[in-house]
């Protein structure tokens, strides 16, 4: 699981938008909250998902991995 730190989020609409962008770009989304997300994505899908988030106005970076399923 990869932890993402996501900027630009302030409400539930942002959470839904971020979830949609991540799923559209091949990430399996475990959780999205204002400011963060936990996803599982391939090495190819993750950069595309991060780029798509930035384009949508939610710049994101990886903050590490967790062992949780």
PDB file of N, CA and C in Angstrom:
ATOM      1  N   UNK A   1       0.851  -1.169   0.000  1.00  0.00           N
ATOM      2  CA  UNK A   1       0.000   0.000   0.000  1.00  0.00           C
ATOM      3  C   UNK A   1       0.902   1.239   0.000  1.00  0.00           C
ATOM      4  N   UNK A   2       0.542   2.207  -0.781  1.00  0.00           N
ATOM      5  CA  UNK A   2       1.302   3.449  -0.844  1.00  0.00           C
ATOM      6  C   UNK A   2       0.484   4.574  -0.234  1.00  0.00           C
ATOM      7  N   UNK A   3       1.118   5.343   0.611  1.00  0.00           N
ATOM      8  CA  UNK A   3       0.484   6.503   1.224  1.00  0.00           C
ATOM      9  C   UNK A   3       0.771   7.723   0.356  1.00  0.00           C
ATOM     10  N   UNK A   4      -0.268   8.498   0.062  1.00  0.00           N
ATOM     11  CA  UNK A   4      -0.098   9.728  -0.702  1.00  0.00           C
ATOM     12  C   UNK A   4      -0.438  10.926   0.165  1.00  0.00           C
ATOM     13  N   UNK A   5       0.338  11.975   0.034  1.00  0.00           N
ATOM     14  CA  UNK A   5       0.023  13.270   0.634  1.00  0.00           C
ATOM     15  C   UNK A   5      -0.521  14.111  -0.511  1.00  0.00           C
ATOM     16  N   UNK A   6      -1.731  14.637  -0.354  1.00  0.00           N
ATOM     17  CA  UNK A   6      -2.399  15.341  -1.439  1.00  0.00           C
ATOM     18  C   UNK A   6      -2.752  16.753  -0.995  1.00  0.00           C
ATOM     19  N   UNK A   7      -2.290  17.724  -1.759  1.00  0.00           N
ATOM     20  CA  UNK A   7      -2.589  19.130  -1.476  1.00  0.00           C
ATOM     21  C   UNK A   7      -3.829  19.575  -2.250  1.00  0.00           C
ATOM     22  N   UNK A   8      -4.452  20.641  -1.790  1.00  0.00           N
ATOM     23  CA  UNK A   8      -5.568  21.240  -2.505  1.00  0.00           C
ATOM     24  C   UNK A   8      -6.933  20.683  -2.166  1.00  0.00           C
ATOM     25  N   UNK A   9      -6.989  19.720  -1.262  1.00  0.00           N
ATOM     26  CA  UNK A   9      -8.274  19.130  -0.886  1.00  0.00           C
ATOM     27  C   UNK A   9      -8.853  19.868   0.315  1.00  0.00           C
ATOM     28  N   UNK A  10     -10.191  20.109   0.271  1.00  0.00           N
ATOM     29  CA  UNK A  10     -10.791  20.806   1.399  1.00  0.00           C
ATOM     30  C   UNK A  10     -12.173  20.276   1.794  1.00  0.00           C
ATOM     31  N   UNK A  11     -12.723  19.329   1.012  1.00  0.00           N
ATOM     32  CA  UNK A  11     -14.097  18.906   1.291  1.00  0.00           C
ATOM     33  C   UNK A  11     -14.375  17.510   0.736  1.00  0.00           C
ATOM     34  N   UNK A  12     -15.591  17.029   0.968  1.00  0.00           N
ATOM     35  CA  UNK A  12     -15.988  15.708   0.481  1.00  0.00           C
ATOM     36  C   UNK A  12     -16.001  15.640  -1.041  1.00  0.00           C
ATOM     37  N   UNK A  13     -16.335  16.745  -1.697  1.00  0.00           N
ATOM     38  CA  UNK A  13     -16.289  16.757  -3.168  1.00  0.00           C
ATOM     39  C   UNK A  13     -14.866  16.481  -3.641  1.00  0.00           C
ATOM     40  N   UNK A  14     -13.887  17.073  -2.981  1.00  0.00           N
ATOM     41  CA  UNK A  14     -12.484  16.834  -3.328  1.00  0.00           C
ATOM     42  C   UNK A  14     -12.134  15.362  -3.144  1.00  0.00           C
ATOM     43  N   UNK A  15     -12.612  14.772  -2.069  1.00  0.00           N
ATOM     44  CA  UNK A  15     -12.356  13.355  -1.798  1.00  0.00           C
ATOM     45  C   UNK A  15     -12.907  12.497  -2.932  1.00  0.00           C
ATOM     46  N   UNK A  16     -14.140  12.768  -3.355  1.00  0.00           N
ATOM     47  CA  UNK A  16     -14.751  12.006  -4.446  1.00  0.00           C
ATOM     48  C   UNK A  16     -13.995  12.214  -5.754  1.00  0.00           C
ATOM     49  N   UNK A  17     -13.585  13.434  -6.028  1.00  0.00           N
ATOM     50  CA  UNK A  17     -12.851  13.739  -7.267  1.00  0.00           C
ATOM     51  C   UNK A  17     -11.505  13.020  -7.279  1.00  0.00           C
ATOM     52  N   UNK A  18     -10.785  13.078  -6.166  1.00  0.00           N
ATOM     53  CA  UNK A  18      -9.485  12.415  -6.078  1.00  0.00           C
ATOM     54  C   UNK A  18      -9.644  10.906  -6.243  1.00  0.00           C
ATOM     55  N   UNK A  19     -10.627  10.320  -5.583  1.00  0.00           N
ATOM     56  CA  UNK A  19     -10.871   8.880  -5.710  1.00  0.00           C
ATOM     57  C   UNK A  19     -11.120   8.517  -7.179  1.00  0.00           C
ATOM     58  N   UNK A  20     -11.943   9.297  -7.851  1.00  0.00           N
ATOM     59  CA  UNK A  20     -12.249   9.033  -9.252  1.00  0.00           C
ATOM     60  C   UNK A  20     -11.028   9.117 -10.150  1.00  0.00           C
ATOM     61  N   UNK A  21     -10.201  10.127  -9.934  1.00  0.00           N
ATOM     62  CA  UNK A  21      -8.983  10.288 -10.741  1.00  0.00           C
ATOM     63  C   UNK A  21      -8.042   9.111 -10.508  1.00  0.00           C
ATOM     64  N   UNK A  22      -7.857   8.731  -9.264  1.00  0.00           N
ATOM     65  CA  UNK A  22      -6.970   7.611  -8.953  1.00  0.00           C
ATOM     66  C   UNK A  22      -7.464   6.316  -9.589  1.00  0.00           C
ATOM     67  N   UNK A  23      -8.750   6.032  -9.451  1.00  0.00           N
ATOM     68  CA  UNK A  23      -9.306   4.806 -10.010  1.00  0.00           C
ATOM     69  C   UNK A  23      -9.235   4.810 -11.537  1.00  0.00           C
ATOM     70  N   UNK A  24      -9.494   5.945 -12.143  1.00  0.00           N
ATOM     71  CA  UNK A  24      -9.434   6.053 -13.603  1.00  0.00           C
ATOM     72  C   UNK A  24      -8.036   5.747 -14.131  1.00  0.00           C
ATOM     73  N   UNK A  25      -7.032   6.032 -13.329  1.00  0.00           N
ATOM     74  CA  UNK A  25      -5.654   5.842 -13.768  1.00  0.00           C
ATOM     75  C   UNK A  25      -5.012   4.577 -13.186  1.00  0.00           C
ATOM     76  N   UNK A  26      -5.837   3.615 -12.817  1.00  0.00           N
ATOM     77  CA  UNK A  26      -5.341   2.287 -12.496  1.00  0.00           C
ATOM     78  C   UNK A  26      -4.945   2.020 -11.061  1.00  0.00           C
ATOM     79  N   UNK A  27      -5.270   2.920 -10.158  1.00  0.00           N
ATOM     80  CA  UNK A  27      -4.935   2.689  -8.752  1.00  0.00           C
ATOM     81  C   UNK A  27      -6.109   2.009  -8.044  1.00  0.00           C
ATOM     82  N   UNK A  28      -5.794   1.052  -7.203  1.00  0.00           N
ATOM     83  CA  UNK A  28      -6.791   0.441  -6.323  1.00  0.00           C
ATOM     84  C   UNK A  28      -6.810   1.284  -5.062  1.00  0.00           C
ATOM     85  N   UNK A  29      -7.930   1.934  -4.793  1.00  0.00           N
ATOM     86  CA  UNK A  29      -8.014   2.898  -3.696  1.00  0.00           C
ATOM     87  C   UNK A  29      -8.545   2.221  -2.440  1.00  0.00           C
ATOM     88  N   UNK A  30      -7.758   2.268  -1.376  1.00  0.00           N
ATOM     89  CA  UNK A  30      -8.186   1.722  -0.086  1.00  0.00           C
ATOM     90  C   UNK A  30      -8.905   2.778   0.741  1.00  0.00           C
ATOM     91  N   UNK A  31      -8.407   4.022   0.673  1.00  0.00           N
ATOM     92  CA  UNK A  31      -8.961   5.087   1.502  1.00  0.00           C
ATOM     93  C   UNK A  31      -8.557   6.439   0.936  1.00  0.00           C
ATOM     94  N   UNK A  32      -9.480   7.382   0.949  1.00  0.00           N
ATOM     95  CA  UNK A  32      -9.166   8.770   0.597  1.00  0.00           C
ATOM     96  C   UNK A  32      -9.778   9.652   1.670  1.00  0.00           C
ATOM     97  N   UNK A  33      -8.976  10.549   2.187  1.00  0.00           N
ATOM     98  CA  UNK A  33      -9.417  11.548   3.165  1.00  0.00           C
ATOM     99  C   UNK A  33      -8.868  12.886   2.723  1.00  0.00           C
ATOM    100  N   UNK A  34      -9.393  13.952   3.270  1.00  0.00           N
ATOM    101  CA  UNK A  34      -8.875  15.272   2.929  1.00  0.00           C
ATOM    102  C   UNK A  34      -7.387  15.299   3.265  1.00  0.00           C
ATOM    103  N   UNK A  35      -6.563  15.468   2.232  1.00  0.00           N
ATOM    104  CA  UNK A  35      -5.121  15.572   2.423  1.00  0.00           C
ATOM    105  C   UNK A  35      -4.317  14.301   2.249  1.00  0.00           C
ATOM    106  N   UNK A  36      -4.999  13.147   2.110  1.00  0.00           N
ATOM    107  CA  UNK A  36      -4.230  11.911   1.983  1.00  0.00           C
ATOM    108  C   UNK A  36      -5.044  10.804   1.314  1.00  0.00           C
ATOM    109  N   UNK A  37      -4.315   9.797   0.883  1.00  0.00           N
ATOM    110  CA  UNK A  37      -4.957   8.607   0.316  1.00  0.00           C
ATOM    111  C   UNK A  37      -4.038   7.415   0.514  1.00  0.00           C
ATOM    112  N   UNK A  38      -4.639   6.236   0.571  1.00  0.00           N
ATOM    113  CA  UNK A  38      -3.881   4.982   0.589  1.00  0.00           C
ATOM    114  C   UNK A  38      -4.291   4.220  -0.652  1.00  0.00           C
ATOM    115  N   UNK A  39      -3.312   3.886  -1.491  1.00  0.00           N
ATOM    116  CA  UNK A  39      -3.598   3.220  -2.753  1.00  0.00           C
ATOM    117  C   UNK A  39      -2.632   2.076  -3.003  1.00  0.00           C
ATOM    118  N   UNK A  40      -3.046   1.199  -3.891  1.00  0.00           N
ATOM    119  CA  UNK A  40      -2.158   0.167  -4.412  1.00  0.00           C
ATOM    120  C   UNK A  40      -2.153   0.379  -5.919  1.00  0.00           C
ATOM    121  N   UNK A  41      -0.961   0.563  -6.485  1.00  0.00           N
ATOM    122  CA  UNK A  41      -0.848   0.802  -7.921  1.00  0.00           C
ATOM    123  C   UNK A  41       0.486   0.262  -8.419  1.00  0.00           C
ATOM    124  N   UNK A  42       0.507  -0.117  -9.678  1.00  0.00           N
ATOM    125  CA  UNK A  42       1.742  -0.615 -10.272  1.00  0.00           C
ATOM    126  C   UNK A  42       2.746   0.523 -10.423  1.00  0.00           C
ATOM    127  N   UNK A  43       3.992   0.155 -10.674  1.00  0.00           N
ATOM    128  CA  UNK A  43       5.036   1.168 -10.880  1.00  0.00           C
ATOM    129  C   UNK A  43       4.728   2.039 -12.086  1.00  0.00           C
ATOM    130  N   UNK A  44       3.985   1.518 -13.052  1.00  0.00           N
ATOM    131  CA  UNK A  44       3.611   2.292 -14.221  1.00  0.00           C
ATOM    132  C   UNK A  44       2.396   3.180 -13.944  1.00  0.00           C
ATOM    133  N   UNK A  45       1.437   2.672 -13.181  1.00  0.00           N
ATOM    134  CA  UNK A  45       0.197   3.406 -12.935  1.00  0.00           C
ATOM    135  C   UNK A  45       0.372   4.556 -11.958  1.00  0.00           C
ATOM    136  N   UNK A  46       1.223   4.397 -10.968  1.00  0.00           N
ATOM    137  CA  UNK A  46       1.354   5.425  -9.936  1.00  0.00           C
ATOM    138  C   UNK A  46       1.807   6.774 -10.496  1.00  0.00           C
ATOM    139  N   UNK A  47       2.856   6.850 -11.316  1.00  0.00           N
ATOM    140  CA  UNK A  47       3.246   8.154 -11.865  1.00  0.00           C
ATOM    141  C   UNK A  47       2.137   8.796 -12.706  1.00  0.00           C
ATOM    142  N   UNK A  48       1.404   7.975 -13.458  1.00  0.00           N
ATOM    143  CA  UNK A  48       0.303   8.507 -14.265  1.00  0.00           C
ATOM    144  C   UNK A  48      -0.807   9.059 -13.367  1.00  0.00           C
ATOM    145  N   UNK A  49      -1.095   8.348 -12.286  1.00  0.00           N
ATOM    146  CA  UNK A  49      -2.125   8.809 -11.356  1.00  0.00           C
ATOM    147  C   UNK A  49      -1.701  10.103 -10.669  1.00  0.00           C
ATOM    148  N   UNK A  50      -0.433  10.203 -10.268  1.00  0.00           N
ATOM    149  CA  UNK A  50       0.062  11.431  -9.634  1.00  0.00           C
ATOM    150  C   UNK A  50       0.000  12.603 -10.607  1.00  0.00           C
ATOM    151  N   UNK A  51       0.359  12.369 -11.861  1.00  0.00           N
ATOM    152  CA  UNK A  51       0.303  13.432 -12.871  1.00  0.00           C
ATOM    153  C   UNK A  51      -1.144  13.876 -13.107  1.00  0.00           C
ATOM    154  N   UNK A  52      -2.061  12.910 -13.147  1.00  0.00           N
ATOM    155  CA  UNK A  52      -3.472  13.239 -13.348  1.00  0.00           C
ATOM    156  C   UNK A  52      -4.035  14.023 -12.167  1.00  0.00           C
ATOM    157  N   UNK A  53      -3.625  13.670 -10.951  1.00  0.00           N
ATOM    158  CA  UNK A  53      -4.056  14.441  -9.782  1.00  0.00           C
ATOM    159  C   UNK A  53      -3.562  15.881  -9.867  1.00  0.00           C
ATOM    160  N   UNK A  54      -2.306  16.062 -10.236  1.00  0.00           N
ATOM    161  CA  UNK A  54      -1.752  17.415 -10.354  1.00  0.00           C
ATOM    162  C   UNK A  54      -2.518  18.212 -11.401  1.00  0.00           C
ATOM    163  N   UNK A  55      -2.832  17.576 -12.521  1.00  0.00           N
ATOM    164  CA  UNK A  55      -3.575  18.244 -13.585  1.00  0.00           C
ATOM    165  C   UNK A  55      -4.974  18.641 -13.113  1.00  0.00           C
ATOM    166  N   UNK A  56      -5.554  17.835 -12.231  1.00  0.00           N
ATOM    167  CA  UNK A  56      -6.887  18.107 -11.695  1.00  0.00           C
ATOM    168  C   UNK A  56      -6.857  19.138 -10.563  1.00  0.00           C
ATOM    169  N   UNK A  57      -5.655  19.587 -10.181  1.00  0.00           N
ATOM    170  CA  UNK A  57      -5.540  20.602  -9.136  1.00  0.00           C
ATOM    171  C   UNK A  57      -5.219  20.063  -7.761  1.00  0.00           C
ATOM    172  N   UNK A  58      -4.807  18.806  -7.704  1.00  0.00           N
ATOM    173  CA  UNK A  58      -4.483  18.167  -6.428  1.00  0.00           C
ATOM    174  C   UNK A  58      -3.071  17.593  -6.478  1.00  0.00           C
ATOM    175  N   UNK A  59      -2.049  18.441  -6.389  1.00  0.00           N
ATOM    176  CA  UNK A  59      -0.686  17.910  -6.426  1.00  0.00           C
ATOM    177  C   UNK A  59      -0.455  16.925  -5.286  1.00  0.00           C
ATOM    178  N   UNK A  60       0.177  15.815  -5.613  1.00  0.00           N
ATOM    179  CA  UNK A  60       0.364  14.753  -4.628  1.00  0.00           C
ATOM    180  C   UNK A  60       1.767  14.204  -4.677  1.00  0.00           C
ATOM    181  N   UNK A  61       2.179  13.630  -3.562  1.00  0.00           N
ATOM    182  CA  UNK A  61       3.474  12.965  -3.484  1.00  0.00           C
ATOM    183  C   UNK A  61       3.322  11.726  -2.624  1.00  0.00           C
ATOM    184  N   UNK A  62       4.216  10.772  -2.839  1.00  0.00           N
ATOM    185  CA  UNK A  62       4.182   9.576  -2.010  1.00  0.00           C
ATOM    186  C   UNK A  62       4.824   9.899  -0.675  1.00  0.00           C
ATOM    187  N   UNK A  63       4.229   9.365   0.365  1.00  0.00           N
ATOM    188  CA  UNK A  63       4.790   9.598   1.697  1.00  0.00           C
ATOM    189  C   UNK A  63       5.262   8.307   2.322  1.00  0.00           C
ATOM    190  N   UNK A  64       5.281   7.227   1.533  1.00  0.00           N
ATOM    191  CA  UNK A  64       5.778   5.960   2.043  1.00  0.00           C
ATOM    192  C   UNK A  64       4.823   4.826   1.784  1.00  0.00           C
ATOM    193  N   UNK A  65       5.202   3.673   2.284  1.00  0.00           N
ATOM    194  CA  UNK A  65       4.393   2.461   2.125  1.00  0.00           C
ATOM    195  C   UNK A  65       4.011   1.940   3.484  1.00  0.00           C
ATOM    196  N   UNK A  66       2.923   1.236   3.520  1.00  0.00           N
ATOM    197  CA  UNK A  66       2.515   0.602   4.770  1.00  0.00           C
ATOM    198  C   UNK A  66       2.339  -0.878   4.499  1.00  0.00           C
ATOM    199  N   UNK A  67       2.349  -1.673   5.522  1.00  0.00           N
ATOM    200  CA  UNK A  67       2.176  -3.112   5.354  1.00  0.00           C
ATOM    201  C   UNK A  67       0.721  -3.532   5.425  1.00  0.00           C
ATOM    202  N   UNK A  68      -0.168  -2.592   5.667  1.00  0.00           N
ATOM    203  CA  UNK A  68      -1.594  -2.927   5.758  1.00  0.00           C
ATOM    204  C   UNK A  68      -2.109  -3.332   4.393  1.00  0.00           C
ATOM    205  N   UNK A  69      -3.011  -4.313   4.332  1.00  0.00           N
ATOM    206  CA  UNK A  69      -3.553  -4.758   3.041  1.00  0.00           C
ATOM    207  C   UNK A  69      -4.448  -3.732   2.406  1.00  0.00           C
TER     208      UNK A  69
END
